[in-house]
Amino acid sequence: MTRYIALLRGINVGGHRVKMTQLREIFTAIGFNDVRTYINSGNVFFDTDDIDKQHLTNLIEQRLQSALGYEVPTFLRTTTELKSILSQDNFKGIKLTNEKRFCVIFTKQPIPEKVELPQYSSKNDMKLIAVNTYEAFVVWHIINGRPPSSRFQDAIIPIENTSRFYHTLSKILAAAESP
């Protein structure tokens, strides 16, 4: 069995309210084992023998759309993959302050290999510092107490994405690995 972490976009934001018990029921009905959730922002862990990530993603998205009535983009990572992402420590050497947040953006389409770094968002409120094929490592700049309101060009960060704070990803991994 492989343990997967489903990072769901748009759960409990923008009027799309979903109870975690409902998400667990949907994932269990698909046939996944040991289904659990972490906080109310759409993080679901489950075990399955299926190793075809694209098939799993399509299946989850279809079931969520059917059950909830709207699209829920889904980004799957195994616990091993998330461990690898965190071990890269791309934020090393950057001081975390009240005006900065460390964020990982997960994408469905590959991020261009030759992205010039660092890269800044349109309002300079985000700084792209590193990339993998499907993850971007971004420093958010909190301006006047407000989170970033801009984005990167679609040619840099594909539009179909979801993000999680770096410190939250560590907690998600710990929860997913706990018995």
N, C-alpha and C. Protein backbone atom coordinates (compact mmCIF):
# COMPACT_ATOMS: atom_id res chain seq x y z
N MET A 1 0.84 -1.19 0.00
CA MET A 1 0.00 0.00 0.00
C MET A 1 0.88 1.25 0.00
N THR A 2 0.42 2.23 -0.72
CA THR A 2 1.10 3.52 -0.76
C THR A 2 0.22 4.53 -0.04
N ARG A 3 0.86 5.34 0.79
CA ARG A 3 0.14 6.43 1.46
C ARG A 3 0.24 7.68 0.59
N TYR A 4 -0.93 8.21 0.22
CA TYR A 4 -1.00 9.42 -0.57
C TYR A 4 -1.54 10.56 0.28
N ILE A 5 -1.14 11.76 -0.10
CA ILE A 5 -1.67 12.98 0.49
C ILE A 5 -2.34 13.73 -0.66
N ALA A 6 -3.63 13.95 -0.54
CA ALA A 6 -4.38 14.72 -1.54
C ALA A 6 -4.49 16.15 -1.02
N LEU A 7 -3.92 17.07 -1.77
CA LEU A 7 -4.02 18.49 -1.46
C LEU A 7 -5.12 19.04 -2.36
N LEU A 8 -6.24 19.39 -1.76
CA LEU A 8 -7.41 19.82 -2.52
C LEU A 8 -7.46 21.34 -2.58
N ARG A 9 -7.74 21.86 -3.75
CA ARG A 9 -7.83 23.31 -3.91
C ARG A 9 -9.26 23.79 -3.69
N GLY A 10 -9.40 24.90 -2.98
CA GLY A 10 -10.69 25.56 -2.85
C GLY A 10 -11.63 24.95 -1.84
N ILE A 11 -11.11 24.19 -0.91
CA ILE A 11 -11.97 23.61 0.13
C ILE A 11 -12.05 24.61 1.29
N ASN A 12 -13.26 24.93 1.67
CA ASN A 12 -13.56 25.85 2.77
C ASN A 12 -13.02 27.27 2.53
N VAL A 13 -13.07 27.66 1.26
CA VAL A 13 -12.82 29.05 0.87
C VAL A 13 -13.83 29.41 -0.22
N GLY A 14 -14.12 30.66 -0.36
CA GLY A 14 -15.00 31.12 -1.43
C GLY A 14 -16.38 30.49 -1.44
N GLY A 15 -16.92 30.20 -0.27
CA GLY A 15 -18.26 29.66 -0.19
C GLY A 15 -18.37 28.15 -0.38
N HIS A 16 -17.27 27.49 -0.63
CA HIS A 16 -17.26 26.03 -0.80
C HIS A 16 -16.97 25.36 0.54
N ARG A 17 -17.97 25.31 1.38
CA ARG A 17 -17.83 24.73 2.72
C ARG A 17 -18.06 23.23 2.68
N VAL A 18 -17.11 22.50 3.24
CA VAL A 18 -17.19 21.04 3.27
C VAL A 18 -16.70 20.56 4.62
N LYS A 19 -17.46 19.71 5.26
CA LYS A 19 -17.03 19.12 6.52
C LYS A 19 -16.02 18.02 6.21
N MET A 20 -15.05 17.88 7.07
CA MET A 20 -14.01 16.87 6.86
C MET A 20 -14.59 15.46 6.92
N THR A 21 -15.66 15.28 7.69
CA THR A 21 -16.31 13.96 7.71
C THR A 21 -16.85 13.62 6.33
N GLN A 22 -17.38 14.60 5.61
CA GLN A 22 -17.89 14.37 4.27
C GLN A 22 -16.75 14.00 3.31
N LEU A 23 -15.61 14.69 3.42
CA LEU A 23 -14.47 14.34 2.58
C LEU A 23 -14.00 12.91 2.86
N ARG A 24 -13.93 12.56 4.14
CA ARG A 24 -13.51 11.19 4.48
C ARG A 24 -14.48 10.16 3.92
N GLU A 25 -15.77 10.46 3.98
CA GLU A 25 -16.78 9.54 3.44
C GLU A 25 -16.63 9.38 1.93
N ILE A 26 -16.36 10.46 1.22
CA ILE A 26 -16.19 10.40 -0.23
C ILE A 26 -14.97 9.55 -0.58
N PHE A 27 -13.86 9.79 0.10
CA PHE A 27 -12.63 9.04 -0.19
C PHE A 27 -12.77 7.57 0.20
N THR A 28 -13.48 7.30 1.28
CA THR A 28 -13.70 5.91 1.70
C THR A 28 -14.59 5.20 0.68
N ALA A 29 -15.60 5.90 0.18
CA ALA A 29 -16.51 5.31 -0.82
C ALA A 29 -15.78 4.98 -2.12
N ILE A 30 -14.71 5.70 -2.41
CA ILE A 30 -13.92 5.38 -3.60
C ILE A 30 -13.24 4.03 -3.43
N GLY A 31 -12.98 3.66 -2.16
CA GLY A 31 -12.33 2.38 -1.90
C GLY A 31 -10.96 2.52 -1.27
N PHE A 32 -10.61 3.74 -0.87
CA PHE A 32 -9.31 3.96 -0.23
C PHE A 32 -9.36 3.49 1.22
N ASN A 33 -8.20 3.14 1.75
CA ASN A 33 -8.07 2.65 3.12
C ASN A 33 -7.48 3.73 4.03
N ASP A 34 -7.75 3.61 5.32
CA ASP A 34 -7.20 4.48 6.35
C ASP A 34 -7.29 5.96 5.95
N VAL A 35 -8.47 6.39 5.57
CA VAL A 35 -8.70 7.77 5.13
C VAL A 35 -8.77 8.68 6.35
N ARG A 36 -7.96 9.74 6.30
CA ARG A 36 -7.95 10.75 7.37
C ARG A 36 -7.80 12.13 6.76
N THR A 37 -8.17 13.14 7.52
CA THR A 37 -8.00 14.52 7.06
C THR A 37 -7.16 15.28 8.07
N TYR A 38 -6.62 16.39 7.61
CA TYR A 38 -5.84 17.26 8.49
C TYR A 38 -6.29 18.70 8.27
N ILE A 39 -6.66 19.37 9.30
CA ILE A 39 -7.25 20.71 9.33
C ILE A 39 -8.32 20.86 8.25
N ASN A 40 -9.01 21.95 8.26
CA ASN A 40 -10.19 22.11 7.41
C ASN A 40 -9.90 22.73 6.04
N SER A 41 -8.69 22.56 5.54
CA SER A 41 -8.37 23.20 4.25
C SER A 41 -8.15 22.21 3.12
N GLY A 42 -8.65 20.99 3.27
CA GLY A 42 -8.59 20.05 2.17
C GLY A 42 -7.31 19.26 2.05
N ASN A 43 -6.90 18.63 3.13
CA ASN A 43 -5.74 17.75 3.13
C ASN A 43 -6.23 16.37 3.56
N VAL A 44 -6.16 15.41 2.64
CA VAL A 44 -6.70 14.08 2.89
C VAL A 44 -5.60 13.05 2.69
N PHE A 45 -5.44 12.14 3.66
CA PHE A 45 -4.47 11.05 3.54
C PHE A 45 -5.24 9.76 3.30
N PHE A 46 -4.65 8.89 2.50
CA PHE A 46 -5.29 7.59 2.28
C PHE A 46 -4.25 6.60 1.76
N ASP A 47 -4.59 5.34 1.89
CA ASP A 47 -3.74 4.26 1.39
C ASP A 47 -4.45 3.56 0.24
N THR A 48 -3.66 3.13 -0.75
CA THR A 48 -4.19 2.37 -1.87
C THR A 48 -3.06 1.58 -2.52
N ASP A 49 -3.43 0.51 -3.21
CA ASP A 49 -2.47 -0.26 -3.99
C ASP A 49 -2.25 0.36 -5.36
N ASP A 50 -3.14 1.24 -5.78
CA ASP A 50 -3.05 1.87 -7.10
C ASP A 50 -1.88 2.85 -7.12
N ILE A 51 -0.98 2.69 -8.08
CA ILE A 51 0.19 3.59 -8.16
C ILE A 51 0.09 4.55 -9.34
N ASP A 52 -1.03 4.52 -10.05
CA ASP A 52 -1.23 5.41 -11.19
C ASP A 52 -1.81 6.73 -10.69
N LYS A 53 -0.94 7.70 -10.47
CA LYS A 53 -1.35 8.97 -9.89
C LYS A 53 -2.37 9.72 -10.74
N GLN A 54 -2.20 9.67 -12.05
CA GLN A 54 -3.15 10.37 -12.92
C GLN A 54 -4.54 9.75 -12.82
N HIS A 55 -4.59 8.43 -12.80
CA HIS A 55 -5.87 7.73 -12.64
C HIS A 55 -6.51 8.11 -11.31
N LEU A 56 -5.72 8.08 -10.24
CA LEU A 56 -6.24 8.42 -8.92
C LEU A 56 -6.74 9.86 -8.88
N THR A 57 -5.98 10.77 -9.45
CA THR A 57 -6.38 12.17 -9.48
C THR A 57 -7.70 12.34 -10.21
N ASN A 58 -7.82 11.74 -11.39
CA ASN A 58 -9.06 11.83 -12.16
C ASN A 58 -10.24 11.26 -11.39
N LEU A 59 -10.03 10.11 -10.77
CA LEU A 59 -11.08 9.45 -10.00
C LEU A 59 -11.55 10.34 -8.84
N ILE A 60 -10.60 10.88 -8.09
CA ILE A 60 -10.93 11.75 -6.95
C ILE A 60 -11.67 12.99 -7.44
N GLU A 61 -11.16 13.64 -8.48
CA GLU A 61 -11.80 14.86 -8.98
C GLU A 61 -13.22 14.58 -9.47
N GLN A 62 -13.43 13.45 -10.16
CA GLN A 62 -14.77 13.11 -10.64
C GLN A 62 -15.73 12.88 -9.46
N ARG A 63 -15.26 12.15 -8.46
CA ARG A 63 -16.13 11.87 -7.30
C ARG A 63 -16.43 13.13 -6.51
N LEU A 64 -15.44 13.99 -6.34
CA LEU A 64 -15.66 15.24 -5.61
C LEU A 64 -16.65 16.13 -6.36
N GLN A 65 -16.50 16.23 -7.67
CA GLN A 65 -17.42 17.04 -8.48
C GLN A 65 -18.84 16.51 -8.35
N SER A 66 -18.96 15.20 -8.42
CA SER A 66 -20.29 14.58 -8.32
C SER A 66 -20.91 14.81 -6.94
N ALA A 67 -20.12 14.66 -5.89
CA ALA A 67 -20.64 14.78 -4.53
C ALA A 67 -20.85 16.23 -4.10
N LEU A 68 -19.97 17.13 -4.54
CA LEU A 68 -20.03 18.51 -4.05
C LEU A 68 -20.67 19.48 -5.03
N GLY A 69 -20.70 19.11 -6.31
CA GLY A 69 -21.33 19.97 -7.31
C GLY A 69 -20.43 21.02 -7.91
N TYR A 70 -19.15 20.94 -7.66
CA TYR A 70 -18.19 21.87 -8.26
C TYR A 70 -16.84 21.18 -8.37
N GLU A 71 -15.98 21.74 -9.25
CA GLU A 71 -14.66 21.17 -9.47
C GLU A 71 -13.77 21.38 -8.24
N VAL A 72 -13.02 20.35 -7.92
CA VAL A 72 -12.03 20.44 -6.84
C VAL A 72 -10.70 19.92 -7.39
N PRO A 73 -9.86 20.82 -7.91
CA PRO A 73 -8.56 20.37 -8.38
C PRO A 73 -7.81 19.65 -7.26
N THR A 74 -7.21 18.52 -7.63
CA THR A 74 -6.56 17.64 -6.66
C THR A 74 -5.11 17.45 -7.04
N PHE A 75 -4.22 17.57 -6.05
CA PHE A 75 -2.78 17.44 -6.26
C PHE A 75 -2.29 16.34 -5.32
N LEU A 76 -1.84 15.22 -5.89
CA LEU A 76 -1.42 14.08 -5.08
C LEU A 76 0.09 14.03 -4.94
N ARG A 77 0.51 13.70 -3.71
CA ARG A 77 1.92 13.41 -3.44
C ARG A 77 1.94 12.23 -2.48
N THR A 78 2.93 11.38 -2.64
CA THR A 78 3.12 10.32 -1.65
C THR A 78 3.84 10.93 -0.46
N THR A 79 3.83 10.22 0.65
CA THR A 79 4.57 10.73 1.81
C THR A 79 6.06 10.82 1.47
N THR A 80 6.57 9.88 0.69
CA THR A 80 7.98 9.91 0.28
C THR A 80 8.28 11.16 -0.54
N GLU A 81 7.38 11.49 -1.46
CA GLU A 81 7.58 12.69 -2.29
C GLU A 81 7.53 13.96 -1.44
N LEU A 82 6.59 14.03 -0.51
CA LEU A 82 6.50 15.23 0.33
C LEU A 82 7.74 15.35 1.22
N LYS A 83 8.22 14.22 1.72
CA LYS A 83 9.46 14.23 2.50
C LYS A 83 10.62 14.80 1.69
N SER A 84 10.71 14.38 0.45
CA SER A 84 11.77 14.87 -0.44
C SER A 84 11.64 16.36 -0.69
N ILE A 85 10.42 16.83 -0.91
CA ILE A 85 10.18 18.26 -1.13
C ILE A 85 10.65 19.07 0.08
N LEU A 86 10.28 18.60 1.27
CA LEU A 86 10.65 19.32 2.50
C LEU A 86 12.15 19.24 2.77
N SER A 87 12.77 18.12 2.42
CA SER A 87 14.20 17.95 2.71
C SER A 87 15.08 18.85 1.85
N GLN A 88 14.54 19.39 0.78
CA GLN A 88 15.33 20.30 -0.06
C GLN A 88 15.68 21.58 0.67
N ASP A 89 14.85 21.94 1.64
CA ASP A 89 15.10 23.10 2.49
C ASP A 89 15.41 24.35 1.67
N ASN A 90 14.57 24.63 0.69
CA ASN A 90 14.80 25.77 -0.21
C ASN A 90 14.71 27.14 0.48
N PHE A 91 14.17 27.18 1.68
CA PHE A 91 14.05 28.46 2.39
C PHE A 91 15.21 28.69 3.37
N LYS A 92 16.15 27.77 3.37
CA LYS A 92 17.31 27.88 4.26
C LYS A 92 18.02 29.21 3.99
N GLY A 93 18.36 29.88 5.06
CA GLY A 93 19.08 31.14 4.94
C GLY A 93 18.17 32.35 4.82
N ILE A 94 16.88 32.15 4.71
CA ILE A 94 15.93 33.27 4.64
C ILE A 94 15.26 33.37 6.00
N LYS A 95 15.34 34.52 6.60
CA LYS A 95 14.77 34.71 7.93
C LYS A 95 13.25 34.85 7.85
N LEU A 96 12.57 34.00 8.59
CA LEU A 96 11.12 34.06 8.68
C LEU A 96 10.75 35.18 9.65
N THR A 97 9.92 36.11 9.20
CA THR A 97 9.50 37.25 10.03
C THR A 97 7.99 37.38 9.96
N ASN A 98 7.45 38.36 10.68
CA ASN A 98 6.01 38.62 10.62
C ASN A 98 5.59 39.12 9.25
N GLU A 99 6.54 39.62 8.46
CA GLU A 99 6.24 40.14 7.14
C GLU A 99 6.51 39.14 6.03
N LYS A 100 6.93 37.93 6.37
CA LYS A 100 7.24 36.91 5.37
C LYS A 100 6.59 35.59 5.73
N ARG A 101 6.13 34.89 4.71
CA ARG A 101 5.61 33.53 4.85
C ARG A 101 6.26 32.68 3.78
N PHE A 102 6.57 31.45 4.11
CA PHE A 102 7.15 30.51 3.15
C PHE A 102 6.03 29.62 2.62
N CYS A 103 5.97 29.48 1.32
CA CYS A 103 4.85 28.80 0.68
C CYS A 103 5.37 27.87 -0.43
N VAL A 104 4.70 26.73 -0.58
CA VAL A 104 4.98 25.83 -1.70
C VAL A 104 3.73 25.79 -2.57
N ILE A 105 3.91 26.04 -3.86
CA ILE A 105 2.82 25.98 -4.82
C ILE A 105 2.96 24.67 -5.59
N PHE A 106 1.89 23.88 -5.59
CA PHE A 106 1.85 22.61 -6.31
C PHE A 106 1.10 22.82 -7.62
N THR A 107 1.66 22.32 -8.72
CA THR A 107 1.05 22.52 -10.03
C THR A 107 0.72 21.18 -10.70
N LYS A 108 -0.18 21.22 -11.66
CA LYS A 108 -0.49 20.03 -12.46
C LYS A 108 0.38 19.98 -13.71
N GLN A 109 0.60 21.14 -14.31
CA GLN A 109 1.46 21.23 -15.49
C GLN A 109 2.89 21.49 -15.03
N PRO A 110 3.85 21.00 -15.77
CA PRO A 110 5.25 21.24 -15.36
C PRO A 110 5.59 22.73 -15.37
N ILE A 111 6.43 23.09 -14.44
CA ILE A 111 6.99 24.44 -14.40
C ILE A 111 8.18 24.44 -15.36
N PRO A 112 8.31 25.48 -16.18
CA PRO A 112 9.43 25.50 -17.13
C PRO A 112 10.78 25.28 -16.43
N GLU A 113 11.62 24.45 -17.05
CA GLU A 113 12.91 24.10 -16.45
C GLU A 113 13.84 25.30 -16.32
N LYS A 114 13.74 26.22 -17.23
CA LYS A 114 14.71 27.31 -17.26
C LYS A 114 14.12 28.62 -16.75
N VAL A 115 13.38 28.55 -15.66
CA VAL A 115 12.84 29.77 -15.06
C VAL A 115 14.00 30.53 -14.43
N GLU A 116 14.08 31.79 -14.77
CA GLU A 116 15.12 32.63 -14.20
C GLU A 116 14.73 32.97 -12.76
N LEU A 117 15.65 32.74 -11.84
CA LEU A 117 15.39 32.97 -10.41
C LEU A 117 16.32 34.03 -9.87
N PRO A 118 15.88 34.83 -8.92
CA PRO A 118 14.52 34.88 -8.40
C PRO A 118 13.59 35.54 -9.41
N GLN A 119 12.31 35.28 -9.22
CA GLN A 119 11.26 35.81 -10.07
C GLN A 119 10.25 36.49 -9.13
N TYR A 120 9.75 37.65 -9.52
CA TYR A 120 8.82 38.39 -8.66
C TYR A 120 7.43 38.44 -9.28
N SER A 121 6.42 38.43 -8.41
CA SER A 121 5.03 38.55 -8.88
C SER A 121 4.80 39.97 -9.38
N SER A 122 3.65 40.17 -10.01
CA SER A 122 3.34 41.46 -10.65
C SER A 122 3.37 42.65 -9.69
N LYS A 123 3.08 42.43 -8.41
CA LYS A 123 3.11 43.52 -7.43
C LYS A 123 4.30 43.42 -6.48
N ASN A 124 5.24 42.56 -6.80
CA ASN A 124 6.43 42.34 -5.97
C ASN A 124 6.08 41.89 -4.55
N ASP A 125 4.92 41.24 -4.39
CA ASP A 125 4.56 40.76 -3.06
C ASP A 125 4.85 39.27 -2.88
N MET A 126 5.39 38.65 -3.94
CA MET A 126 5.84 37.26 -3.85
C MET A 126 7.16 37.12 -4.60
N LYS A 127 8.03 36.30 -4.05
CA LYS A 127 9.33 36.06 -4.67
C LYS A 127 9.52 34.56 -4.86
N LEU A 128 9.64 34.14 -6.11
CA LEU A 128 9.89 32.74 -6.44
C LEU A 128 11.38 32.49 -6.30
N ILE A 129 11.74 31.54 -5.41
CA ILE A 129 13.17 31.33 -5.14
C ILE A 129 13.71 30.00 -5.65
N ALA A 130 12.83 29.02 -5.88
CA ALA A 130 13.28 27.71 -6.36
C ALA A 130 12.10 26.99 -6.99
N VAL A 131 12.40 26.03 -7.88
CA VAL A 131 11.36 25.24 -8.51
C VAL A 131 11.81 23.79 -8.66
N ASN A 132 10.82 22.91 -8.60
CA ASN A 132 10.94 21.52 -9.04
C ASN A 132 10.03 21.43 -10.26
N THR A 133 9.87 20.26 -10.81
CA THR A 133 9.01 20.11 -11.98
C THR A 133 7.58 20.52 -11.69
N TYR A 134 7.06 20.16 -10.49
CA TYR A 134 5.66 20.44 -10.16
C TYR A 134 5.49 21.20 -8.85
N GLU A 135 6.54 21.83 -8.37
CA GLU A 135 6.45 22.63 -7.14
C GLU A 135 7.26 23.91 -7.30
N ALA A 136 6.71 24.99 -6.75
CA ALA A 136 7.41 26.27 -6.73
C ALA A 136 7.52 26.71 -5.28
N PHE A 137 8.67 27.23 -4.92
CA PHE A 137 8.95 27.66 -3.56
C PHE A 137 8.96 29.19 -3.56
N VAL A 138 8.04 29.76 -2.77
CA VAL A 138 7.75 31.18 -2.85
C VAL A 138 7.80 31.81 -1.46
N VAL A 139 8.40 32.99 -1.40
CA VAL A 139 8.35 33.81 -0.18
C VAL A 139 7.25 34.84 -0.39
N TRP A 140 6.24 34.78 0.49
CA TRP A 140 5.18 35.78 0.48
C TRP A 140 5.64 36.98 1.29
N HIS A 141 5.37 38.16 0.79
CA HIS A 141 5.66 39.39 1.54
C HIS A 141 4.32 39.98 1.99
N ILE A 142 4.18 40.08 3.30
CA ILE A 142 2.96 40.63 3.89
C ILE A 142 3.13 42.15 3.91
N ILE A 143 2.24 42.84 3.22
CA ILE A 143 2.34 44.30 3.10
C ILE A 143 1.14 44.92 3.79
N ASN A 144 1.40 45.78 4.77
CA ASN A 144 0.34 46.41 5.57
C ASN A 144 -0.60 45.37 6.16
N GLY A 145 -0.03 44.25 6.60
CA GLY A 145 -0.80 43.20 7.24
C GLY A 145 -1.62 42.34 6.29
N ARG A 146 -1.45 42.55 4.99
CA ARG A 146 -2.27 41.83 4.00
C ARG A 146 -1.41 40.83 3.22
N PRO A 147 -1.98 39.65 2.94
CA PRO A 147 -1.25 38.66 2.14
C PRO A 147 -1.15 39.12 0.68
N PRO A 148 -0.31 38.48 -0.09
CA PRO A 148 -0.16 38.85 -1.50
C PRO A 148 -1.48 38.82 -2.25
N SER A 149 -1.61 39.75 -3.18
CA SER A 149 -2.83 39.80 -3.99
C SER A 149 -2.53 39.66 -5.47
N SER A 150 -1.28 39.42 -5.80
CA SER A 150 -0.92 39.27 -7.20
C SER A 150 -0.58 37.82 -7.49
N ARG A 151 -0.10 37.57 -8.68
CA ARG A 151 0.29 36.22 -9.06
C ARG A 151 1.45 36.28 -10.03
N PHE A 152 1.99 35.13 -10.29
CA PHE A 152 3.05 35.04 -11.28
C PHE A 152 2.43 34.85 -12.66
N GLN A 153 3.18 35.19 -13.69
CA GLN A 153 2.70 34.96 -15.05
C GLN A 153 2.43 33.46 -15.24
N ASP A 154 1.38 33.14 -16.01
CA ASP A 154 1.04 31.75 -16.27
C ASP A 154 2.18 30.98 -16.91
N ALA A 155 3.03 31.67 -17.65
CA ALA A 155 4.18 31.03 -18.29
C ALA A 155 5.22 30.58 -17.25
N ILE A 156 5.14 31.13 -16.05
CA ILE A 156 6.08 30.76 -14.99
C ILE A 156 5.45 29.74 -14.06
N ILE A 157 4.31 30.09 -13.47
CA ILE A 157 3.57 29.18 -12.58
C ILE A 157 2.24 28.85 -13.26
N PRO A 158 2.06 27.60 -13.68
CA PRO A 158 0.78 27.25 -14.33
C PRO A 158 -0.41 27.61 -13.45
N ILE A 159 -1.48 28.04 -14.09
CA ILE A 159 -2.64 28.57 -13.37
C ILE A 159 -3.34 27.52 -12.51
N GLU A 160 -3.33 26.25 -12.92
CA GLU A 160 -3.97 25.21 -12.12
C GLU A 160 -2.99 24.77 -11.04
N ASN A 161 -3.19 25.32 -9.84
CA ASN A 161 -2.27 25.06 -8.74
C ASN A 161 -2.98 25.19 -7.41
N THR A 162 -2.30 24.75 -6.38
CA THR A 162 -2.75 24.98 -5.01
C THR A 162 -1.51 25.23 -4.19
N SER A 163 -1.67 25.90 -3.07
CA SER A 163 -0.50 26.20 -2.25
C SER A 163 -0.74 25.82 -0.80
N ARG A 164 0.37 25.59 -0.12
CA ARG A 164 0.35 25.32 1.31
C ARG A 164 1.56 26.03 1.92
N PHE A 165 1.36 26.53 3.13
CA PHE A 165 2.52 27.09 3.84
C PHE A 165 3.50 25.98 4.15
N TYR A 166 4.77 26.31 4.10
CA TYR A 166 5.84 25.35 4.31
C TYR A 166 5.73 24.67 5.67
N HIS A 167 5.48 25.46 6.72
CA HIS A 167 5.38 24.87 8.06
C HIS A 167 4.16 23.95 8.16
N THR A 168 3.10 24.26 7.42
CA THR A 168 1.92 23.40 7.42
C THR A 168 2.22 22.08 6.74
N LEU A 169 3.03 22.11 5.68
CA LEU A 169 3.40 20.87 4.99
C LEU A 169 4.14 19.91 5.93
N SER A 170 4.98 20.44 6.80
CA SER A 170 5.67 19.60 7.79
C SER A 170 4.66 18.94 8.72
N LYS A 171 3.65 19.69 9.11
CA LYS A 171 2.60 19.14 9.98
C LYS A 171 1.74 18.12 9.23
N ILE A 172 1.45 18.41 7.96
CA ILE A 172 0.68 17.46 7.15
C ILE A 172 1.44 16.15 7.03
N LEU A 173 2.73 16.21 6.75
CA LEU A 173 3.54 15.01 6.63
C LEU A 173 3.56 14.23 7.94
N ALA A 174 3.76 14.91 9.05
CA ALA A 174 3.79 14.24 10.36
C ALA A 174 2.45 13.55 10.63
N ALA A 175 1.35 14.23 10.33
CA ALA A 175 0.03 13.64 10.55
C ALA A 175 -0.20 12.45 9.62
N ALA A 176 0.25 12.55 8.38
CA ALA A 176 0.06 11.46 7.42
C ALA A 176 0.87 10.22 7.80
N GLU A 177 2.00 10.44 8.43
CA GLU A 177 2.86 9.31 8.81
C GLU A 177 2.52 8.72 10.16
N SER A 178 1.70 9.41 10.93
CA SER A 178 1.35 8.90 12.25
C SER A 178 0.36 7.74 12.11
N PRO A 179 0.42 6.79 13.05
CA PRO A 179 -0.49 5.64 12.95
C PRO A 179 -1.94 6.01 13.24
